[in-house]
């Protein structure tokens, strides 16, 4: 195996170490946490394999150490749908917004870590 063939463990497009740093940073936020922060932390934990249930659909990760990229993308889309539904119903969608922003960051849709 050449050095080009070795890969760093990743969650979506983010290196695993960066995801663990995001979890640590989120855990250090002062409590009580908002719904947004719960959504962010739930997404990070599930994506890293530290939580069984996905933050929006409650689906279990299909991979051995966490969700595969396709499952991350599907959960991100589910969070976007949940957010749109909440806004259309005049309900609070901040948890879905937090999960969406975290999952979108993990999937590489944007570079700003929530």
N, C-alpha and C. Protein backbone atom coordinates (compact mmCIF):
# COMPACT_ATOMS: atom_id res chain seq x y z
N UNK A 1 0.85 -1.17 0.00
CA UNK A 1 0.00 0.00 0.00
C UNK A 1 0.90 1.24 0.00
N UNK A 2 0.61 2.18 -0.87
CA UNK A 2 1.38 3.43 -0.93
C UNK A 2 0.78 4.45 0.02
N UNK A 3 1.51 5.51 0.26
CA UNK A 3 1.00 6.54 1.15
C UNK A 3 -0.25 7.21 0.57
N UNK A 4 -0.41 7.19 -0.75
CA UNK A 4 -1.61 7.75 -1.36
C UNK A 4 -2.84 6.92 -1.07
N UNK A 5 -2.65 5.64 -0.77
CA UNK A 5 -3.79 4.75 -0.54
C UNK A 5 -4.24 4.75 0.92
N UNK A 6 -3.45 5.29 1.81
CA UNK A 6 -3.86 5.34 3.21
C UNK A 6 -4.80 6.52 3.40
N UNK A 7 -5.78 6.32 4.23
CA UNK A 7 -6.74 7.39 4.47
C UNK A 7 -6.90 7.62 5.96
N UNK A 8 -7.19 8.84 6.30
CA UNK A 8 -7.48 9.22 7.66
C UNK A 8 -8.95 8.89 7.92
N UNK A 9 -9.26 8.31 9.08
CA UNK A 9 -10.67 8.05 9.39
C UNK A 9 -11.48 9.35 9.31
N UNK A 10 -12.64 9.26 8.69
CA UNK A 10 -13.46 10.45 8.49
C UNK A 10 -14.92 10.18 8.81
N UNK A 11 -15.62 11.24 9.09
CA UNK A 11 -17.07 11.24 9.25
C UNK A 11 -17.58 12.18 8.18
N UNK A 12 -18.24 11.63 7.17
CA UNK A 12 -18.60 12.45 6.03
C UNK A 12 -17.33 12.92 5.35
N UNK A 13 -17.15 14.24 5.25
CA UNK A 13 -15.93 14.79 4.65
C UNK A 13 -14.97 15.31 5.71
N UNK A 14 -15.32 15.19 6.97
CA UNK A 14 -14.50 15.74 8.06
C UNK A 14 -13.64 14.66 8.69
N UNK A 15 -12.38 14.97 8.98
CA UNK A 15 -11.54 14.01 9.70
C UNK A 15 -12.14 13.70 11.07
N UNK A 16 -12.01 12.47 11.49
CA UNK A 16 -12.60 12.04 12.77
C UNK A 16 -12.12 12.90 13.92
N UNK A 17 -10.86 13.28 13.93
CA UNK A 17 -10.34 14.13 15.00
C UNK A 17 -11.06 15.48 15.05
N UNK A 18 -11.40 16.03 13.90
CA UNK A 18 -12.13 17.30 13.85
C UNK A 18 -13.54 17.15 14.39
N UNK A 19 -14.16 16.00 14.13
CA UNK A 19 -15.50 15.74 14.65
C UNK A 19 -15.46 15.58 16.17
N UNK A 20 -14.46 14.86 16.68
CA UNK A 20 -14.33 14.74 18.14
C UNK A 20 -14.06 16.10 18.78
N UNK A 21 -13.33 16.97 18.10
CA UNK A 21 -13.11 18.32 18.61
C UNK A 21 -14.43 19.09 18.63
N UNK A 22 -15.26 18.91 17.62
CA UNK A 22 -16.56 19.57 17.58
C UNK A 22 -17.45 19.08 18.73
N UNK A 23 -17.41 17.79 19.01
CA UNK A 23 -18.19 17.24 20.12
C UNK A 23 -17.70 17.83 21.45
N UNK A 24 -16.39 17.86 21.62
CA UNK A 24 -15.81 18.41 22.85
C UNK A 24 -16.19 19.88 23.03
N UNK A 25 -16.12 20.65 21.97
CA UNK A 25 -16.48 22.06 22.02
C UNK A 25 -17.96 22.22 22.37
N UNK A 26 -18.82 21.43 21.75
CA UNK A 26 -20.25 21.50 22.03
C UNK A 26 -20.55 21.10 23.47
N UNK A 27 -19.85 20.11 23.97
CA UNK A 27 -20.06 19.68 25.36
C UNK A 27 -19.64 20.75 26.37
N UNK A 28 -18.73 21.62 26.00
CA UNK A 28 -18.26 22.67 26.91
C UNK A 28 -19.17 23.88 26.95
N UNK A 29 -20.16 23.93 26.08
CA UNK A 29 -21.07 25.09 26.10
C UNK A 29 -21.83 25.09 27.42
N UNK A 30 -22.08 26.28 27.96
CA UNK A 30 -22.78 26.34 29.25
C UNK A 30 -24.20 25.80 29.16
N UNK A 31 -24.59 25.11 30.20
CA UNK A 31 -25.95 24.57 30.26
C UNK A 31 -26.84 25.55 30.98
N UNK A 32 -28.13 25.55 30.78
CA UNK A 32 -28.87 24.58 29.99
C UNK A 32 -28.70 24.83 28.49
N UNK A 33 -28.65 23.74 27.75
CA UNK A 33 -28.48 23.83 26.32
C UNK A 33 -29.81 24.15 25.65
N UNK A 34 -29.71 24.88 24.56
CA UNK A 34 -30.90 25.20 23.77
C UNK A 34 -31.25 23.99 22.90
N UNK A 35 -32.41 24.04 22.28
CA UNK A 35 -32.79 22.99 21.33
C UNK A 35 -31.82 22.91 20.17
N UNK A 36 -31.32 24.07 19.75
CA UNK A 36 -30.33 24.11 18.67
C UNK A 36 -29.08 23.33 19.08
N UNK A 37 -28.58 23.58 20.28
CA UNK A 37 -27.38 22.91 20.76
C UNK A 37 -27.60 21.41 20.93
N UNK A 38 -28.78 21.02 21.38
CA UNK A 38 -29.10 19.59 21.47
C UNK A 38 -29.08 18.95 20.08
N UNK A 39 -29.63 19.66 19.09
CA UNK A 39 -29.63 19.15 17.73
C UNK A 39 -28.22 18.99 17.18
N UNK A 40 -27.38 19.98 17.42
CA UNK A 40 -25.98 19.93 16.96
C UNK A 40 -25.26 18.75 17.62
N UNK A 41 -25.34 18.67 18.94
CA UNK A 41 -24.63 17.63 19.67
C UNK A 41 -25.14 16.24 19.32
N UNK A 42 -26.46 16.09 19.17
CA UNK A 42 -27.01 14.81 18.77
C UNK A 42 -26.52 14.36 17.40
N UNK A 43 -26.42 15.31 16.48
CA UNK A 43 -25.93 14.99 15.14
C UNK A 43 -24.47 14.56 15.18
N UNK A 44 -23.65 15.31 15.92
CA UNK A 44 -22.24 14.96 16.04
C UNK A 44 -22.05 13.59 16.68
N UNK A 45 -22.75 13.37 17.77
CA UNK A 45 -22.58 12.10 18.49
C UNK A 45 -23.01 10.91 17.63
N UNK A 46 -24.13 11.04 16.95
CA UNK A 46 -24.60 9.95 16.09
C UNK A 46 -23.63 9.72 14.94
N UNK A 47 -23.17 10.81 14.34
CA UNK A 47 -22.27 10.69 13.20
C UNK A 47 -20.94 10.04 13.58
N UNK A 48 -20.50 10.26 14.81
CA UNK A 48 -19.23 9.68 15.28
C UNK A 48 -19.41 8.28 15.86
N UNK A 49 -20.64 7.79 15.91
CA UNK A 49 -20.90 6.45 16.43
C UNK A 49 -21.03 6.38 17.94
N UNK A 50 -21.16 7.53 18.60
CA UNK A 50 -21.27 7.56 20.06
C UNK A 50 -22.71 7.58 20.54
N UNK A 51 -23.65 7.63 19.62
CA UNK A 51 -25.08 7.65 19.93
C UNK A 51 -25.78 6.74 18.94
N UNK A 52 -26.69 5.92 19.41
CA UNK A 52 -27.34 4.93 18.54
C UNK A 52 -28.34 5.58 17.60
N UNK A 53 -29.22 6.42 18.12
CA UNK A 53 -30.32 6.96 17.33
C UNK A 53 -29.92 8.26 16.62
N UNK A 54 -30.29 8.35 15.36
CA UNK A 54 -30.06 9.57 14.59
C UNK A 54 -30.88 10.71 15.19
N UNK A 55 -30.41 11.95 15.05
CA UNK A 55 -31.08 13.06 15.72
C UNK A 55 -32.47 13.40 15.19
N UNK A 56 -32.77 13.06 13.96
CA UNK A 56 -34.07 13.41 13.38
C UNK A 56 -34.94 12.18 13.18
N UNK A 57 -34.41 11.16 12.53
CA UNK A 57 -35.21 9.98 12.19
C UNK A 57 -35.13 8.88 13.24
N UNK A 58 -34.19 8.98 14.16
CA UNK A 58 -33.93 7.97 15.19
C UNK A 58 -33.43 6.65 14.59
N UNK A 59 -32.98 6.69 13.35
CA UNK A 59 -32.45 5.48 12.69
C UNK A 59 -31.09 5.14 13.29
N UNK A 60 -30.81 3.86 13.37
CA UNK A 60 -29.50 3.40 13.84
C UNK A 60 -28.51 3.51 12.69
N UNK A 61 -27.27 3.75 13.04
CA UNK A 61 -26.21 3.84 12.03
C UNK A 61 -26.01 2.49 11.37
N UNK A 62 -25.80 2.49 10.07
CA UNK A 62 -25.62 1.25 9.32
C UNK A 62 -24.17 0.78 9.31
N UNK A 63 -23.23 1.69 9.53
CA UNK A 63 -21.81 1.33 9.51
C UNK A 63 -21.37 0.71 10.82
N UNK A 64 -20.18 0.12 10.78
CA UNK A 64 -19.65 -0.53 11.98
C UNK A 64 -19.28 0.49 13.05
N UNK A 65 -18.84 1.68 12.65
CA UNK A 65 -18.43 2.70 13.62
C UNK A 65 -19.26 3.97 13.55
N UNK A 66 -20.30 3.96 12.78
CA UNK A 66 -21.15 5.13 12.61
C UNK A 66 -21.83 5.07 11.26
N UNK A 67 -22.61 6.09 10.93
CA UNK A 67 -23.34 6.08 9.67
C UNK A 67 -22.40 6.24 8.47
N UNK A 68 -22.80 5.64 7.36
CA UNK A 68 -22.05 5.82 6.12
C UNK A 68 -22.40 7.19 5.53
N UNK A 69 -21.67 7.59 4.52
CA UNK A 69 -21.91 8.91 3.92
C UNK A 69 -23.34 9.04 3.39
N UNK A 70 -23.86 8.00 2.78
CA UNK A 70 -25.23 8.06 2.25
C UNK A 70 -26.24 8.27 3.38
N UNK A 71 -26.01 7.61 4.51
CA UNK A 71 -26.93 7.77 5.64
C UNK A 71 -26.80 9.17 6.25
N UNK A 72 -25.59 9.72 6.28
CA UNK A 72 -25.41 11.10 6.74
C UNK A 72 -26.19 12.07 5.85
N UNK A 73 -26.08 11.88 4.54
CA UNK A 73 -26.80 12.75 3.60
C UNK A 73 -28.31 12.62 3.77
N UNK A 74 -28.79 11.39 3.95
CA UNK A 74 -30.22 11.16 4.13
C UNK A 74 -30.72 11.82 5.42
N UNK A 75 -29.94 11.73 6.49
CA UNK A 75 -30.33 12.36 7.75
C UNK A 75 -30.31 13.88 7.63
N UNK A 76 -29.38 14.41 6.88
CA UNK A 76 -29.31 15.84 6.62
C UNK A 76 -30.57 16.30 5.88
N UNK A 77 -30.97 15.53 4.87
CA UNK A 77 -32.20 15.86 4.13
C UNK A 77 -33.43 15.75 5.02
N UNK A 78 -33.46 14.74 5.90
CA UNK A 78 -34.59 14.59 6.83
C UNK A 78 -34.67 15.78 7.78
N UNK A 79 -33.52 16.28 8.21
CA UNK A 79 -33.51 17.45 9.08
C UNK A 79 -34.04 18.68 8.35
N UNK A 80 -33.68 18.84 7.07
CA UNK A 80 -34.18 19.96 6.28
C UNK A 80 -35.70 19.88 6.13
N UNK A 81 -36.22 18.68 5.89
CA UNK A 81 -37.67 18.49 5.76
C UNK A 81 -38.36 18.79 7.08
N UNK A 82 -37.80 18.28 8.18
CA UNK A 82 -38.38 18.52 9.51
C UNK A 82 -38.41 20.01 9.82
N UNK A 83 -37.35 20.71 9.45
CA UNK A 83 -37.29 22.16 9.68
C UNK A 83 -38.35 22.88 8.86
N UNK A 84 -38.47 22.53 7.58
CA UNK A 84 -39.49 23.16 6.73
C UNK A 84 -40.89 22.90 7.27
N UNK A 85 -41.15 21.67 7.72
CA UNK A 85 -42.47 21.33 8.27
C UNK A 85 -42.75 22.13 9.53
N UNK A 86 -41.76 22.26 10.39
CA UNK A 86 -41.94 23.01 11.63
C UNK A 86 -42.23 24.48 11.32
N UNK A 87 -41.49 25.06 10.41
CA UNK A 87 -41.70 26.46 10.06
C UNK A 87 -43.07 26.67 9.42
N UNK A 88 -43.49 25.74 8.57
CA UNK A 88 -44.80 25.86 7.92
C UNK A 88 -45.93 25.75 8.94
N UNK A 89 -45.72 24.97 9.99
CA UNK A 89 -46.75 24.79 11.03
C UNK A 89 -46.65 25.83 12.13
N UNK A 90 -45.66 26.72 12.04
CA UNK A 90 -45.47 27.73 13.08
C UNK A 90 -44.91 27.14 14.36
N UNK A 91 -44.27 25.98 14.26
CA UNK A 91 -43.71 25.29 15.42
C UNK A 91 -42.23 25.63 15.58
N UNK A 92 -41.70 25.22 16.72
CA UNK A 92 -40.29 25.44 17.02
C UNK A 92 -39.45 24.39 16.29
N UNK A 93 -38.59 24.83 15.39
CA UNK A 93 -37.75 23.90 14.64
C UNK A 93 -36.29 24.06 14.94
N UNK A 94 -35.94 24.63 16.11
CA UNK A 94 -34.54 24.92 16.38
C UNK A 94 -33.70 23.65 16.55
N UNK A 95 -34.28 22.58 17.08
CA UNK A 95 -33.54 21.32 17.19
C UNK A 95 -33.20 20.76 15.82
N UNK A 96 -34.18 20.82 14.92
CA UNK A 96 -33.95 20.36 13.55
C UNK A 96 -32.94 21.25 12.85
N UNK A 97 -32.97 22.56 13.14
CA UNK A 97 -32.00 23.47 12.54
C UNK A 97 -30.59 23.14 13.01
N UNK A 98 -30.43 22.86 14.30
CA UNK A 98 -29.12 22.49 14.82
C UNK A 98 -28.61 21.21 14.20
N UNK A 99 -29.48 20.21 14.11
CA UNK A 99 -29.08 18.94 13.49
C UNK A 99 -28.74 19.15 12.02
N UNK A 100 -29.55 19.94 11.32
CA UNK A 100 -29.30 20.19 9.91
C UNK A 100 -27.94 20.87 9.70
N UNK A 101 -27.67 21.91 10.47
CA UNK A 101 -26.41 22.63 10.28
C UNK A 101 -25.21 21.75 10.59
N UNK A 102 -25.31 20.93 11.63
CA UNK A 102 -24.20 20.03 11.97
C UNK A 102 -24.01 18.97 10.88
N UNK A 103 -25.10 18.37 10.43
CA UNK A 103 -25.01 17.34 9.39
C UNK A 103 -24.54 17.93 8.06
N UNK A 104 -25.00 19.12 7.73
CA UNK A 104 -24.56 19.77 6.50
C UNK A 104 -23.06 20.05 6.56
N UNK A 105 -22.55 20.43 7.73
CA UNK A 105 -21.11 20.65 7.89
C UNK A 105 -20.36 19.33 7.71
N UNK A 106 -20.86 18.26 8.34
CA UNK A 106 -20.22 16.95 8.21
C UNK A 106 -20.21 16.46 6.76
N UNK A 107 -21.27 16.77 6.03
CA UNK A 107 -21.39 16.31 4.64
C UNK A 107 -20.62 17.21 3.66
N UNK A 108 -20.11 18.33 4.14
CA UNK A 108 -19.35 19.22 3.28
C UNK A 108 -20.18 20.24 2.53
N UNK A 109 -21.42 20.46 2.96
CA UNK A 109 -22.25 21.46 2.28
C UNK A 109 -21.81 22.88 2.61
N UNK A 110 -21.16 23.06 3.74
CA UNK A 110 -20.60 24.37 4.12
C UNK A 110 -19.41 24.13 5.05
N UNK A 111 -18.60 25.15 5.22
CA UNK A 111 -17.37 25.02 6.02
C UNK A 111 -17.50 25.60 7.43
N UNK A 112 -18.62 26.24 7.74
CA UNK A 112 -18.80 26.86 9.05
C UNK A 112 -19.37 25.84 10.03
N UNK A 113 -18.54 25.45 10.99
CA UNK A 113 -18.98 24.47 11.99
C UNK A 113 -19.90 25.14 12.99
N UNK A 114 -21.09 24.57 13.17
CA UNK A 114 -22.02 25.19 14.14
C UNK A 114 -21.57 24.94 15.58
